[in-house]
Structure formats: structure tokens, C-alpha cells
Amino acid sequence: MKVLQLAGLVIAVLLITATPVFAQEGPGTAVFSGGAIGAGIGAALTLVGAGYGFGRIGSGAVESMARQPEVAPRIQIAMIIVAAMLEGATFFSLIVCILINNVAKW
């Protein structure tokens, strides 16, 4: 519940601090695009998900190694392979968020 409250507070602060952008006047003013906000939120969710995934991988591997120490090298190899695939998916998602942010106009 505290995580949801914190997330709501962060979004509220983000929207309140974006108010000066809407106050601009004159020719050539910026156009509001939700793409930048979406890219920022997408990058944040990607990193939170990756952190959760890495935590689950690490805890599962350590627990398995504690139960069967003789297969620890095989578990470590499998853990590294899965972590590399998770890191690749995270990197791809962050690149997509950066590209969306560069296209967004304010």
C-alpha cells in the first residue's frame, strides 16, 4: 500500500512541476505530447520489473544452492544465462523508451 501511495505522490509531483510548460505563449511554443511522460513511466516500470526479476533469480539460485551444494556450478550457469536474457529485454525496453522520448515534442 505504501508503494502505491509513493507512486501516486511521484505522479502528482511530476504533473504539478509540468505546469510551467503549459504557460508558454507566442509563436513556436511547445506542443504538449504525452509521449515523454509515457517514456519516463515506461522506463521506470522497466527498471522496477528488472530489479524484481533479478531479485527473484538471485534468491531462487541461492536457495537451490543451499539445498544442493553439489549442483551449484550448474545453477550458477543457468542463473547467469537467465540474467543475461533479462538484461537484454530490459535494455531493449529502455532503448524504446529513449526513442519515444526523443520523438515527443513539448
N, C-alpha and C. Protein backbone atom coordinates (compact mmCIF):
# COMPACT_ATOMS: atom_id res chain seq x y z
N MET A 1 0.82 -1.19 0.00
CA MET A 1 0.00 0.00 0.00
C MET A 1 0.87 1.26 0.00
N LYS A 2 1.99 1.21 0.72
CA LYS A 2 2.87 2.37 0.75
C LYS A 2 3.50 2.62 -0.61
N VAL A 3 3.74 1.54 -1.37
CA VAL A 3 4.32 1.70 -2.71
C VAL A 3 3.33 2.45 -3.60
N LEU A 4 2.06 2.12 -3.51
CA LEU A 4 1.06 2.81 -4.32
C LEU A 4 0.93 4.27 -3.92
N GLN A 5 1.00 4.55 -2.63
CA GLN A 5 0.96 5.94 -2.17
C GLN A 5 2.16 6.72 -2.69
N LEU A 6 3.33 6.11 -2.63
CA LEU A 6 4.53 6.76 -3.13
C LEU A 6 4.44 6.99 -4.63
N ALA A 7 3.95 6.01 -5.36
CA ALA A 7 3.80 6.17 -6.81
C ALA A 7 2.82 7.28 -7.14
N GLY A 8 1.72 7.35 -6.41
CA GLY A 8 0.76 8.44 -6.62
C GLY A 8 1.36 9.79 -6.32
N LEU A 9 2.16 9.88 -5.27
CA LEU A 9 2.81 11.13 -4.92
C LEU A 9 3.81 11.55 -5.99
N VAL A 10 4.56 10.60 -6.52
CA VAL A 10 5.53 10.90 -7.57
C VAL A 10 4.83 11.41 -8.82
N ILE A 11 3.73 10.77 -9.21
CA ILE A 11 2.99 11.21 -10.39
C ILE A 11 2.39 12.59 -10.16
N ALA A 12 1.88 12.86 -8.97
CA ALA A 12 1.31 14.17 -8.66
C ALA A 12 2.39 15.26 -8.75
N VAL A 13 3.57 15.00 -8.19
CA VAL A 13 4.66 15.98 -8.27
C VAL A 13 5.09 16.20 -9.71
N LEU A 14 5.14 15.13 -10.49
CA LEU A 14 5.50 15.25 -11.90
C LEU A 14 4.51 16.13 -12.65
N LEU A 15 3.23 15.93 -12.42
CA LEU A 15 2.23 16.72 -13.11
C LEU A 15 2.21 18.17 -12.63
N ILE A 16 2.46 18.40 -11.36
CA ILE A 16 2.47 19.76 -10.83
C ILE A 16 3.68 20.54 -11.37
N THR A 17 4.82 19.88 -11.45
CA THR A 17 6.01 20.57 -11.93
C THR A 17 5.99 20.78 -13.44
N ALA A 18 5.11 20.11 -14.16
CA ALA A 18 5.00 20.29 -15.61
C ALA A 18 4.11 21.48 -15.96
N THR A 19 3.49 22.12 -14.99
CA THR A 19 2.58 23.24 -15.24
C THR A 19 3.24 24.40 -15.98
N PRO A 20 4.47 24.82 -15.69
CA PRO A 20 5.07 25.93 -16.43
C PRO A 20 5.18 25.68 -17.94
N VAL A 21 5.21 24.44 -18.35
CA VAL A 21 5.27 24.14 -19.77
C VAL A 21 4.00 24.62 -20.46
N PHE A 22 2.87 24.52 -19.80
CA PHE A 22 1.61 24.92 -20.40
C PHE A 22 1.44 26.44 -20.40
N ALA A 23 2.24 27.18 -19.64
CA ALA A 23 2.09 28.61 -19.51
C ALA A 23 2.79 29.38 -20.63
N GLN A 24 3.50 28.72 -21.52
CA GLN A 24 4.22 29.40 -22.58
C GLN A 24 3.25 29.97 -23.60
N GLU A 25 3.61 31.13 -24.15
CA GLU A 25 2.78 31.77 -25.14
C GLU A 25 3.63 32.18 -26.33
N GLY A 26 2.95 32.53 -27.41
CA GLY A 26 3.64 33.07 -28.56
C GLY A 26 3.88 32.03 -29.63
N PRO A 27 4.39 32.51 -30.78
CA PRO A 27 4.64 31.57 -31.89
C PRO A 27 5.80 30.64 -31.55
N GLY A 28 5.70 29.46 -32.06
CA GLY A 28 6.76 28.48 -31.84
C GLY A 28 6.76 27.87 -30.47
N THR A 29 5.63 27.99 -29.78
CA THR A 29 5.59 27.40 -28.45
C THR A 29 5.55 25.90 -28.56
N ALA A 30 5.90 25.28 -27.50
CA ALA A 30 5.96 23.83 -27.47
C ALA A 30 4.56 23.23 -27.50
N VAL A 31 4.46 22.05 -28.06
CA VAL A 31 3.21 21.31 -28.11
C VAL A 31 3.29 20.19 -27.09
N PHE A 32 2.26 20.06 -26.26
CA PHE A 32 2.29 19.01 -25.25
C PHE A 32 2.13 17.65 -25.90
N SER A 33 2.97 16.74 -25.51
CA SER A 33 2.89 15.37 -26.00
C SER A 33 3.06 14.44 -24.81
N GLY A 34 2.13 13.53 -24.66
CA GLY A 34 2.21 12.59 -23.55
C GLY A 34 3.26 11.52 -23.76
N GLY A 35 3.89 11.52 -24.93
CA GLY A 35 4.91 10.51 -25.21
C GLY A 35 6.09 10.58 -24.27
N ALA A 36 6.48 11.80 -23.89
CA ALA A 36 7.62 11.94 -22.99
C ALA A 36 7.29 11.40 -21.61
N ILE A 37 6.09 11.71 -21.13
CA ILE A 37 5.68 11.19 -19.82
C ILE A 37 5.55 9.66 -19.89
N GLY A 38 4.98 9.18 -20.99
CA GLY A 38 4.85 7.73 -21.16
C GLY A 38 6.20 7.04 -21.22
N ALA A 39 7.16 7.67 -21.90
CA ALA A 39 8.50 7.08 -21.98
C ALA A 39 9.16 7.04 -20.61
N GLY A 40 8.98 8.10 -19.83
CA GLY A 40 9.56 8.12 -18.48
C GLY A 40 8.94 7.08 -17.58
N ILE A 41 7.62 6.97 -17.62
CA ILE A 41 6.94 5.97 -16.80
C ILE A 41 7.30 4.57 -17.28
N GLY A 42 7.40 4.39 -18.60
CA GLY A 42 7.77 3.08 -19.15
C GLY A 42 9.17 2.67 -18.73
N ALA A 43 10.11 3.61 -18.75
CA ALA A 43 11.47 3.31 -18.31
C ALA A 43 11.50 2.96 -16.83
N ALA A 44 10.72 3.69 -16.03
CA ALA A 44 10.68 3.39 -14.59
C ALA A 44 10.11 2.00 -14.33
N LEU A 45 9.02 1.67 -15.01
CA LEU A 45 8.42 0.35 -14.83
C LEU A 45 9.36 -0.76 -15.31
N THR A 46 10.09 -0.49 -16.38
CA THR A 46 11.05 -1.47 -16.88
C THR A 46 12.13 -1.75 -15.84
N LEU A 47 12.66 -0.70 -15.25
CA LEU A 47 13.72 -0.88 -14.26
C LEU A 47 13.22 -1.53 -12.98
N VAL A 48 12.01 -1.19 -12.57
CA VAL A 48 11.43 -1.84 -11.39
C VAL A 48 11.22 -3.32 -11.66
N GLY A 49 10.68 -3.64 -12.84
CA GLY A 49 10.47 -5.05 -13.20
C GLY A 49 11.78 -5.82 -13.30
N ALA A 50 12.80 -5.18 -13.87
CA ALA A 50 14.10 -5.85 -13.97
C ALA A 50 14.69 -6.09 -12.59
N GLY A 51 14.58 -5.11 -11.71
CA GLY A 51 15.09 -5.29 -10.35
C GLY A 51 14.38 -6.42 -9.63
N TYR A 52 13.07 -6.48 -9.79
CA TYR A 52 12.30 -7.57 -9.18
C TYR A 52 12.72 -8.92 -9.76
N GLY A 53 12.91 -8.95 -11.08
CA GLY A 53 13.33 -10.20 -11.73
C GLY A 53 14.69 -10.67 -11.28
N PHE A 54 15.64 -9.73 -11.19
CA PHE A 54 16.97 -10.10 -10.72
C PHE A 54 16.94 -10.58 -9.28
N GLY A 55 16.12 -9.96 -8.47
CA GLY A 55 15.98 -10.41 -7.08
C GLY A 55 15.43 -11.82 -6.99
N ARG A 56 14.42 -12.10 -7.82
CA ARG A 56 13.84 -13.46 -7.82
C ARG A 56 14.85 -14.50 -8.32
N ILE A 57 15.60 -14.14 -9.35
CA ILE A 57 16.61 -15.07 -9.87
C ILE A 57 17.66 -15.35 -8.80
N GLY A 58 18.16 -14.30 -8.17
CA GLY A 58 19.20 -14.47 -7.15
C GLY A 58 18.72 -15.26 -5.96
N SER A 59 17.50 -14.95 -5.49
CA SER A 59 17.01 -15.67 -4.31
C SER A 59 16.76 -17.14 -4.63
N GLY A 60 16.22 -17.41 -5.82
CA GLY A 60 15.98 -18.80 -6.20
C GLY A 60 17.28 -19.58 -6.35
N ALA A 61 18.30 -18.94 -6.93
CA ALA A 61 19.58 -19.62 -7.12
C ALA A 61 20.26 -19.89 -5.79
N VAL A 62 20.26 -18.93 -4.90
CA VAL A 62 20.92 -19.12 -3.59
C VAL A 62 20.19 -20.19 -2.79
N GLU A 63 18.87 -20.19 -2.85
CA GLU A 63 18.10 -21.21 -2.14
C GLU A 63 18.39 -22.60 -2.71
N SER A 64 18.47 -22.70 -4.02
CA SER A 64 18.77 -24.00 -4.64
C SER A 64 20.17 -24.47 -4.29
N MET A 65 21.12 -23.55 -4.28
CA MET A 65 22.49 -23.92 -3.93
C MET A 65 22.60 -24.34 -2.47
N ALA A 66 21.79 -23.76 -1.61
CA ALA A 66 21.83 -24.14 -0.20
C ALA A 66 21.26 -25.54 0.00
N ARG A 67 20.29 -25.89 -0.82
CA ARG A 67 19.68 -27.22 -0.68
C ARG A 67 20.55 -28.31 -1.29
N GLN A 68 21.19 -28.00 -2.43
CA GLN A 68 22.03 -29.00 -3.10
C GLN A 68 23.35 -28.35 -3.52
N PRO A 69 24.31 -28.30 -2.63
CA PRO A 69 25.59 -27.63 -2.95
C PRO A 69 26.36 -28.30 -4.09
N GLU A 70 26.11 -29.58 -4.33
CA GLU A 70 26.87 -30.28 -5.37
C GLU A 70 26.51 -29.83 -6.79
N VAL A 71 25.35 -29.21 -6.97
CA VAL A 71 24.96 -28.75 -8.32
C VAL A 71 25.08 -27.22 -8.43
N ALA A 72 25.81 -26.61 -7.52
CA ALA A 72 25.94 -25.15 -7.52
C ALA A 72 26.53 -24.59 -8.82
N PRO A 73 27.56 -25.22 -9.42
CA PRO A 73 28.08 -24.65 -10.68
C PRO A 73 27.04 -24.65 -11.81
N ARG A 74 26.23 -25.68 -11.90
CA ARG A 74 25.19 -25.73 -12.94
C ARG A 74 24.12 -24.67 -12.69
N ILE A 75 23.79 -24.46 -11.43
CA ILE A 75 22.79 -23.45 -11.10
C ILE A 75 23.32 -22.06 -11.41
N GLN A 76 24.60 -21.83 -11.13
CA GLN A 76 25.19 -20.51 -11.42
C GLN A 76 25.17 -20.23 -12.92
N ILE A 77 25.48 -21.22 -13.72
CA ILE A 77 25.48 -21.04 -15.18
C ILE A 77 24.07 -20.72 -15.66
N ALA A 78 23.10 -21.46 -15.18
CA ALA A 78 21.71 -21.21 -15.58
C ALA A 78 21.26 -19.82 -15.11
N MET A 79 21.68 -19.43 -13.92
CA MET A 79 21.31 -18.12 -13.39
C MET A 79 21.91 -17.01 -14.25
N ILE A 80 23.15 -17.15 -14.66
CA ILE A 80 23.80 -16.14 -15.49
C ILE A 80 23.13 -16.04 -16.85
N ILE A 81 22.73 -17.16 -17.44
CA ILE A 81 22.05 -17.15 -18.74
C ILE A 81 20.71 -16.44 -18.64
N VAL A 82 19.94 -16.76 -17.62
CA VAL A 82 18.63 -16.13 -17.45
C VAL A 82 18.80 -14.63 -17.14
N ALA A 83 19.78 -14.27 -16.33
CA ALA A 83 20.02 -12.86 -16.02
C ALA A 83 20.44 -12.09 -17.27
N ALA A 84 21.23 -12.71 -18.14
CA ALA A 84 21.63 -12.05 -19.39
C ALA A 84 20.44 -11.83 -20.30
N MET A 85 19.54 -12.81 -20.38
CA MET A 85 18.33 -12.62 -21.20
C MET A 85 17.45 -11.52 -20.61
N LEU A 86 17.33 -11.47 -19.30
CA LEU A 86 16.53 -10.42 -18.66
C LEU A 86 17.18 -9.06 -18.89
N GLU A 87 18.47 -8.99 -18.82
CA GLU A 87 19.18 -7.73 -19.06
C GLU A 87 18.98 -7.28 -20.51
N GLY A 88 18.99 -8.20 -21.45
CA GLY A 88 18.75 -7.85 -22.85
C GLY A 88 17.36 -7.29 -23.08
N ALA A 89 16.37 -7.90 -22.47
CA ALA A 89 14.99 -7.41 -22.61
C ALA A 89 14.85 -6.04 -21.95
N THR A 90 15.50 -5.83 -20.82
CA THR A 90 15.47 -4.54 -20.14
C THR A 90 16.13 -3.47 -20.99
N PHE A 91 17.27 -3.79 -21.56
CA PHE A 91 17.99 -2.84 -22.40
C PHE A 91 17.16 -2.46 -23.63
N PHE A 92 16.51 -3.44 -24.25
CA PHE A 92 15.67 -3.17 -25.41
C PHE A 92 14.52 -2.24 -25.02
N SER A 93 13.89 -2.50 -23.90
CA SER A 93 12.78 -1.66 -23.46
C SER A 93 13.24 -0.24 -23.17
N LEU A 94 14.40 -0.07 -22.54
CA LEU A 94 14.90 1.27 -22.26
C LEU A 94 15.25 2.01 -23.54
N ILE A 95 15.78 1.32 -24.54
CA ILE A 95 16.08 1.96 -25.82
C ILE A 95 14.80 2.42 -26.49
N VAL A 96 13.74 1.61 -26.43
CA VAL A 96 12.46 2.02 -27.00
C VAL A 96 11.93 3.25 -26.27
N CYS A 97 12.04 3.28 -24.95
CA CYS A 97 11.59 4.45 -24.19
C CYS A 97 12.39 5.70 -24.56
N ILE A 98 13.68 5.56 -24.75
CA ILE A 98 14.52 6.70 -25.15
C ILE A 98 14.12 7.19 -26.53
N LEU A 99 13.85 6.29 -27.46
CA LEU A 99 13.45 6.69 -28.80
C LEU A 99 12.10 7.40 -28.78
N ILE A 100 11.17 6.91 -27.98
CA ILE A 100 9.88 7.58 -27.86
C ILE A 100 10.05 8.97 -27.26
N ASN A 101 10.91 9.09 -26.29
CA ASN A 101 11.14 10.38 -25.65
C ASN A 101 11.75 11.38 -26.62
N ASN A 102 12.64 10.92 -27.52
CA ASN A 102 13.25 11.82 -28.48
C ASN A 102 12.26 12.31 -29.54
N VAL A 103 11.24 11.51 -29.83
CA VAL A 103 10.23 11.90 -30.81
C VAL A 103 9.21 12.83 -30.19
N ALA A 104 8.97 12.72 -28.90
CA ALA A 104 7.95 13.53 -28.23
C ALA A 104 8.33 15.00 -28.27
N LYS A 105 7.35 15.84 -28.50
CA LYS A 105 7.59 17.28 -28.56
C LYS A 105 6.87 17.95 -27.40
N TRP A 106 7.53 18.94 -26.83
CA TRP A 106 6.92 19.69 -25.72
C TRP A 106 6.60 21.06 -26.19
